[in-house]
Amino acid sequence: MTYVGMFDEVDLSHKFRKVKRENRRLKKENIKLTDNIEKLKADLARAKEDHQYDNLVHQQELKSLRKK
């Protein structure tokens, strides 16, 4: 193998390790973001339920006021 060929191999090995590190970092970040999305979805579902309940209570209050 020539000197240039050895340099290319070392360079590729270095680049491969660098890409693997970046890939691991991005996977961890993806997991964190996915967890955050799931929490936000749960919060949104709770907020929708609260809103529906508030609307129901409000409608019942209006009905009771109309009857008086």
PDB file of N, CA and C in Angstrom:
ATOM      1  N   MET A   1       0.839  -1.163   0.000  1.00  0.00           N
ATOM      2  CA  MET A   1       0.000   0.000   0.000  1.00  0.00           C
ATOM      3  C   MET A   1       0.895   1.241   0.000  1.00  0.00           C
ATOM      4  N   THR A   2       0.466   2.225  -0.729  1.00  0.00           N
ATOM      5  CA  THR A   2       1.252   3.457  -0.810  1.00  0.00           C
ATOM      6  C   THR A   2       0.953   4.348   0.380  1.00  0.00           C
ATOM      7  N   TYR A   3       1.760   5.318   0.584  1.00  0.00           N
ATOM      8  CA  TYR A   3       1.566   6.274   1.671  1.00  0.00           C
ATOM      9  C   TYR A   3       0.218   6.978   1.535  1.00  0.00           C
ATOM     10  N   VAL A   4      -0.146   7.339   0.314  1.00  0.00           N
ATOM     11  CA  VAL A   4      -1.413   8.027   0.072  1.00  0.00           C
ATOM     12  C   VAL A   4      -2.573   7.114   0.433  1.00  0.00           C
ATOM     13  N   GLY A   5      -2.487   5.838   0.100  1.00  0.00           N
ATOM     14  CA  GLY A   5      -3.537   4.881   0.431  1.00  0.00           C
ATOM     15  C   GLY A   5      -3.705   4.729   1.931  1.00  0.00           C
ATOM     16  N   MET A   6      -2.605   4.716   2.670  1.00  0.00           N
ATOM     17  CA  MET A   6      -2.680   4.603   4.120  1.00  0.00           C
ATOM     18  C   MET A   6      -3.336   5.842   4.720  1.00  0.00           C
ATOM     19  N   PHE A   7      -3.017   6.989   4.185  1.00  0.00           N
ATOM     20  CA  PHE A   7      -3.607   8.240   4.678  1.00  0.00           C
ATOM     21  C   PHE A   7      -5.116   8.230   4.463  1.00  0.00           C
ATOM     22  N   ASP A   8      -5.540   7.753   3.296  1.00  0.00           N
ATOM     23  CA  ASP A   8      -6.972   7.691   2.998  1.00  0.00           C
ATOM     24  C   ASP A   8      -7.679   6.771   3.976  1.00  0.00           C
ATOM     25  N   GLU A   9      -7.074   5.628   4.313  1.00  0.00           N
ATOM     26  CA  GLU A   9      -7.668   4.678   5.238  1.00  0.00           C
ATOM     27  C   GLU A   9      -7.822   5.282   6.631  1.00  0.00           C
ATOM     28  N   VAL A  10      -6.791   5.943   7.099  1.00  0.00           N
ATOM     29  CA  VAL A  10      -6.832   6.579   8.417  1.00  0.00           C
ATOM     30  C   VAL A  10      -7.875   7.699   8.418  1.00  0.00           C
ATOM     31  N   ASP A  11      -7.901   8.466   7.361  1.00  0.00           N
ATOM     32  CA  ASP A  11      -8.860   9.557   7.247  1.00  0.00           C
ATOM     33  C   ASP A  11     -10.288   9.022   7.255  1.00  0.00           C
ATOM     34  N   LEU A  12     -10.535   7.940   6.501  1.00  0.00           N
ATOM     35  CA  LEU A  12     -11.866   7.349   6.467  1.00  0.00           C
ATOM     36  C   LEU A  12     -12.250   6.785   7.831  1.00  0.00           C
ATOM     37  N   SER A  13     -11.305   6.162   8.509  1.00  0.00           N
ATOM     38  CA  SER A  13     -11.571   5.623   9.835  1.00  0.00           C
ATOM     39  C   SER A  13     -11.943   6.745  10.796  1.00  0.00           C
ATOM     40  N   HIS A  14     -11.228   7.843  10.726  1.00  0.00           N
ATOM     41  CA  HIS A  14     -11.522   9.000  11.575  1.00  0.00           C
ATOM     42  C   HIS A  14     -12.912   9.557  11.259  1.00  0.00           C
ATOM     43  N   LYS A  15     -13.209   9.700   9.984  1.00  0.00           N
ATOM     44  CA  LYS A  15     -14.516  10.217   9.580  1.00  0.00           C
ATOM     45  C   LYS A  15     -15.631   9.282  10.027  1.00  0.00           C
ATOM     46  N   PHE A  16     -15.409   7.970   9.930  1.00  0.00           N
ATOM     47  CA  PHE A  16     -16.406   6.993  10.337  1.00  0.00           C
ATOM     48  C   PHE A  16     -16.694   7.124  11.834  1.00  0.00           C
ATOM     49  N   ARG A  17     -15.651   7.239  12.659  1.00  0.00           N
ATOM     50  CA  ARG A  17     -15.846   7.392  14.106  1.00  0.00           C
ATOM     51  C   ARG A  17     -16.602   8.690  14.414  1.00  0.00           C
ATOM     52  N   LYS A  18     -16.252   9.733  13.687  1.00  0.00           N
ATOM     53  CA  LYS A  18     -16.913  11.025  13.877  1.00  0.00           C
ATOM     54  C   LYS A  18     -18.410  10.925  13.531  1.00  0.00           C
ATOM     55  N   VAL A  19     -18.706  10.259  12.443  1.00  0.00           N
ATOM     56  CA  VAL A  19     -20.100  10.093  12.016  1.00  0.00           C
ATOM     57  C   VAL A  19     -20.862   9.225  13.024  1.00  0.00           C
ATOM     58  N   LYS A  20     -20.221   8.190  13.545  1.00  0.00           N
ATOM     59  CA  LYS A  20     -20.875   7.341  14.546  1.00  0.00           C
ATOM     60  C   LYS A  20     -21.212   8.133  15.810  1.00  0.00           C
ATOM     61  N   ARG A  21     -20.282   8.981  16.260  1.00  0.00           N
ATOM     62  CA  ARG A  21     -20.536   9.817  17.443  1.00  0.00           C
ATOM     63  C   ARG A  21     -21.719  10.755  17.200  1.00  0.00           C
ATOM     64  N   GLU A  22     -21.726  11.353  16.028  1.00  0.00           N
ATOM     65  CA  GLU A  22     -22.815  12.265  15.681  1.00  0.00           C
ATOM     66  C   GLU A  22     -24.137  11.508  15.613  1.00  0.00           C
ATOM     67  N   ASN A  23     -24.110  10.306  15.070  1.00  0.00           N
ATOM     68  CA  ASN A  23     -25.312   9.482  14.980  1.00  0.00           C
ATOM     69  C   ASN A  23     -25.846   9.161  16.378  1.00  0.00           C
ATOM     70  N   ARG A  24     -24.964   8.793  17.310  1.00  0.00           N
ATOM     71  CA  ARG A  24     -25.374   8.507  18.686  1.00  0.00           C
ATOM     72  C   ARG A  24     -25.980   9.738  19.343  1.00  0.00           C
ATOM     73  N   ARG A  25     -25.349  10.884  19.122  1.00  0.00           N
ATOM     74  CA  ARG A  25     -25.863  12.132  19.693  1.00  0.00           C
ATOM     75  C   ARG A  25     -27.262  12.449  19.166  1.00  0.00           C
ATOM     76  N   LEU A  26     -27.435  12.263  17.871  1.00  0.00           N
ATOM     77  CA  LEU A  26     -28.741  12.552  17.268  1.00  0.00           C
ATOM     78  C   LEU A  26     -29.809  11.566  17.733  1.00  0.00           C
ATOM     79  N   LYS A  27     -29.433  10.309  17.938  1.00  0.00           N
ATOM     80  CA  LYS A  27     -30.399   9.332  18.455  1.00  0.00           C
ATOM     81  C   LYS A  27     -30.869   9.723  19.850  1.00  0.00           C
ATOM     82  N   LYS A  28     -29.931  10.151  20.705  1.00  0.00           N
ATOM     83  CA  LYS A  28     -30.300  10.581  22.056  1.00  0.00           C
ATOM     84  C   LYS A  28     -31.217  11.794  22.003  1.00  0.00           C
ATOM     85  N   GLU A  29     -30.874  12.734  21.144  1.00  0.00           N
ATOM     86  CA  GLU A  29     -31.704  13.929  21.000  1.00  0.00           C
ATOM     87  C   GLU A  29     -33.092  13.560  20.494  1.00  0.00           C
ATOM     88  N   ASN A  30     -33.159  12.614  19.561  1.00  0.00           N
ATOM     89  CA  ASN A  30     -34.432  12.168  19.021  1.00  0.00           C
ATOM     90  C   ASN A  30     -35.300  11.543  20.120  1.00  0.00           C
ATOM     91  N   ILE A  31     -34.680  10.752  20.991  1.00  0.00           N
ATOM     92  CA  ILE A  31     -35.421  10.131  22.090  1.00  0.00           C
ATOM     93  C   ILE A  31     -35.987  11.203  23.017  1.00  0.00           C
ATOM     94  N   LYS A  32     -35.172  12.197  23.354  1.00  0.00           N
ATOM     95  CA  LYS A  32     -35.643  13.280  24.219  1.00  0.00           C
ATOM     96  C   LYS A  32     -36.806  14.025  23.578  1.00  0.00           C
ATOM     97  N   LEU A  33     -36.668  14.326  22.291  1.00  0.00           N
ATOM     98  CA  LEU A  33     -37.736  15.060  21.598  1.00  0.00           C
ATOM     99  C   LEU A  33     -39.011  14.229  21.488  1.00  0.00           C
ATOM    100  N   THR A  34     -38.869  12.940  21.248  1.00  0.00           N
ATOM    101  CA  THR A  34     -40.034  12.055  21.172  1.00  0.00           C
ATOM    102  C   THR A  34     -40.751  12.002  22.509  1.00  0.00           C
ATOM    103  N   ASP A  35     -39.987  11.900  23.608  1.00  0.00           N
ATOM    104  CA  ASP A  35     -40.586  11.909  24.944  1.00  0.00           C
ATOM    105  C   ASP A  35     -41.328  13.219  25.190  1.00  0.00           C
ATOM    106  N   ASN A  36     -40.719  14.318  24.782  1.00  0.00           N
ATOM    107  CA  ASN A  36     -41.354  15.622  24.958  1.00  0.00           C
ATOM    108  C   ASN A  36     -42.649  15.712  24.154  1.00  0.00           C
ATOM    109  N   ILE A  37     -42.646  15.194  22.956  1.00  0.00           N
ATOM    110  CA  ILE A  37     -43.857  15.207  22.119  1.00  0.00           C
ATOM    111  C   ILE A  37     -44.969  14.407  22.794  1.00  0.00           C
ATOM    112  N   GLU A  38     -44.635  13.245  23.363  1.00  0.00           N
ATOM    113  CA  GLU A  38     -45.640  12.420  24.035  1.00  0.00           C
ATOM    114  C   GLU A  38     -46.224  13.149  25.246  1.00  0.00           C
ATOM    115  N   LYS A  39     -45.387  13.850  26.000  1.00  0.00           N
ATOM    116  CA  LYS A  39     -45.879  14.623  27.143  1.00  0.00           C
ATOM    117  C   LYS A  39     -46.803  15.736  26.676  1.00  0.00           C
ATOM    118  N   LEU A  40     -46.421  16.406  25.589  1.00  0.00           N
ATOM    119  CA  LEU A  40     -47.257  17.485  25.061  1.00  0.00           C
ATOM    120  C   LEU A  40     -48.596  16.966  24.553  1.00  0.00           C
ATOM    121  N   LYS A  41     -48.591  15.794  23.930  1.00  0.00           N
ATOM    122  CA  LYS A  41     -49.845  15.190  23.472  1.00  0.00           C
ATOM    123  C   LYS A  41     -50.757  14.877  24.650  1.00  0.00           C
ATOM    124  N   ALA A  42     -50.179  14.350  25.723  1.00  0.00           N
ATOM    125  CA  ALA A  42     -50.968  14.039  26.919  1.00  0.00           C
ATOM    126  C   ALA A  42     -51.537  15.318  27.532  1.00  0.00           C
ATOM    127  N   ASP A  43     -50.722  16.366  27.598  1.00  0.00           N
ATOM    128  CA  ASP A  43     -51.198  17.653  28.121  1.00  0.00           C
ATOM    129  C   ASP A  43     -52.332  18.203  27.271  1.00  0.00           C
ATOM    130  N   LEU A  44     -52.201  18.090  25.973  1.00  0.00           N
ATOM    131  CA  LEU A  44     -53.241  18.573  25.065  1.00  0.00           C
ATOM    132  C   LEU A  44     -54.538  17.788  25.263  1.00  0.00           C
ATOM    133  N   ALA A  45     -54.429  16.473  25.410  1.00  0.00           N
ATOM    134  CA  ALA A  45     -55.622  15.650  25.627  1.00  0.00           C
ATOM    135  C   ALA A  45     -56.321  16.055  26.928  1.00  0.00           C
ATOM    136  N   ARG A  46     -55.541  16.290  27.992  1.00  0.00           N
ATOM    137  CA  ARG A  46     -56.131  16.726  29.269  1.00  0.00           C
ATOM    138  C   ARG A  46     -56.799  18.093  29.122  1.00  0.00           C
ATOM    139  N   ALA A  47     -56.166  18.992  28.397  1.00  0.00           N
ATOM    140  CA  ALA A  47     -56.731  20.324  28.196  1.00  0.00           C
ATOM    141  C   ALA A  47     -58.045  20.240  27.411  1.00  0.00           C
ATOM    142  N   LYS A  48     -58.103  19.368  26.428  1.00  0.00           N
ATOM    143  CA  LYS A  48     -59.344  19.197  25.656  1.00  0.00           C
ATOM    144  C   LYS A  48     -60.455  18.648  26.540  1.00  0.00           C
ATOM    145  N   GLU A  49     -60.124  17.673  27.386  1.00  0.00           N
ATOM    146  CA  GLU A  49     -61.124  17.115  28.296  1.00  0.00           C
ATOM    147  C   GLU A  49     -61.620  18.181  29.266  1.00  0.00           C
ATOM    148  N   ASP A  50     -60.699  18.975  29.806  1.00  0.00           N
ATOM    149  CA  ASP A  50     -61.091  20.052  30.714  1.00  0.00           C
ATOM    150  C   ASP A  50     -62.016  21.043  30.015  1.00  0.00           C
ATOM    151  N   HIS A  51     -61.692  21.372  28.788  1.00  0.00           N
ATOM    152  CA  HIS A  51     -62.503  22.320  28.018  1.00  0.00           C
ATOM    153  C   HIS A  51     -63.899  21.754  27.773  1.00  0.00           C
ATOM    154  N   GLN A  52     -63.972  20.480  27.416  1.00  0.00           N
ATOM    155  CA  GLN A  52     -65.277  19.856  27.188  1.00  0.00           C
ATOM    156  C   GLN A  52     -66.111  19.866  28.463  1.00  0.00           C
ATOM    157  N   TYR A  53     -65.473  19.553  29.596  1.00  0.00           N
ATOM    158  CA  TYR A  53     -66.184  19.548  30.871  1.00  0.00           C
ATOM    159  C   TYR A  53     -66.681  20.956  31.206  1.00  0.00           C
ATOM    160  N   ASP A  54     -65.821  21.949  31.025  1.00  0.00           N
ATOM    161  CA  ASP A  54     -66.216  23.330  31.300  1.00  0.00           C
ATOM    162  C   ASP A  54     -67.400  23.740  30.427  1.00  0.00           C
ATOM    163  N   ASN A  55     -67.377  23.353  29.164  1.00  0.00           N
ATOM    164  CA  ASN A  55     -68.499  23.670  28.269  1.00  0.00           C
ATOM    165  C   ASN A  55     -69.779  22.995  28.740  1.00  0.00           C
ATOM    166  N   LEU A  56     -69.690  21.752  29.172  1.00  0.00           N
ATOM    167  CA  LEU A  56     -70.862  21.026  29.652  1.00  0.00           C
ATOM    168  C   LEU A  56     -71.447  21.711  30.890  1.00  0.00           C
ATOM    169  N   VAL A  57     -70.597  22.068  31.828  1.00  0.00           N
ATOM    170  CA  VAL A  57     -71.055  22.758  33.034  1.00  0.00           C
ATOM    171  C   VAL A  57     -71.704  24.091  32.665  1.00  0.00           C
ATOM    172  N   HIS A  58     -71.097  24.807  31.758  1.00  0.00           N
ATOM    173  CA  HIS A  58     -71.641  26.099  31.326  1.00  0.00           C
ATOM    174  C   HIS A  58     -73.016  25.913  30.688  1.00  0.00           C
ATOM    175  N   GLN A  59     -73.173  24.912  29.849  1.00  0.00           N
ATOM    176  CA  GLN A  59     -74.465  24.655  29.206  1.00  0.00           C
ATOM    177  C   GLN A  59     -75.526  24.309  30.250  1.00  0.00           C
ATOM    178  N   GLN A  60     -75.156  23.514  31.249  1.00  0.00           N
ATOM    179  CA  GLN A  60     -76.110  23.159  32.303  1.00  0.00           C
ATOM    180  C   GLN A  60     -76.505  24.386  33.120  1.00  0.00           C
ATOM    181  N   GLU A  61     -75.554  25.260  33.376  1.00  0.00           N
ATOM    182  CA  GLU A  61     -75.854  26.493  34.095  1.00  0.00           C
ATOM    183  C   GLU A  61     -76.818  27.362  33.299  1.00  0.00           C
ATOM    184  N   LEU A  62     -76.601  27.459  31.996  1.00  0.00           N
ATOM    185  CA  LEU A  62     -77.503  28.243  31.151  1.00  0.00           C
ATOM    186  C   LEU A  62     -78.913  27.660  31.155  1.00  0.00           C
ATOM    187  N   LYS A  63     -79.020  26.340  31.079  1.00  0.00           N
ATOM    188  CA  LYS A  63     -80.331  25.688  31.113  1.00  0.00           C
ATOM    189  C   LYS A  63     -81.061  25.977  32.423  1.00  0.00           C
ATOM    190  N   SER A  64     -80.319  25.900  33.516  1.00  0.00           N
ATOM    191  CA  SER A  64     -80.954  26.132  34.825  1.00  0.00           C
ATOM    192  C   SER A  64     -81.380  27.597  34.950  1.00  0.00           C
ATOM    193  N   LEU A  65     -80.629  28.527  34.392  1.00  0.00           N
ATOM    194  CA  LEU A  65     -81.013  29.935  34.439  1.00  0.00           C
ATOM    195  C   LEU A  65     -82.245  30.204  33.593  1.00  0.00           C
ATOM    196  N   ARG A  66     -82.371  29.534  32.470  1.00  0.00           N
ATOM    197  CA  ARG A  66     -83.540  29.726  31.580  1.00  0.00           C
ATOM    198  C   ARG A  66     -84.802  29.199  32.229  1.00  0.00           C
ATOM    199  N   LYS A  67     -84.693  28.159  33.036  1.00  0.00           N
ATOM    200  CA  LYS A  67     -85.858  27.559  33.684  1.00  0.00           C
ATOM    201  C   LYS A  67     -86.413  28.473  34.771  1.00  0.00           C
ATOM    202  N   LYS A  68     -85.587  29.341  35.343  1.00  0.00           N
ATOM    203  CA  LYS A  68     -86.034  30.204  36.444  1.00  0.00           C
ATOM    204  C   LYS A  68     -86.878  31.328  35.982  1.00  0.00           C
TER     205      LYS A  68
END
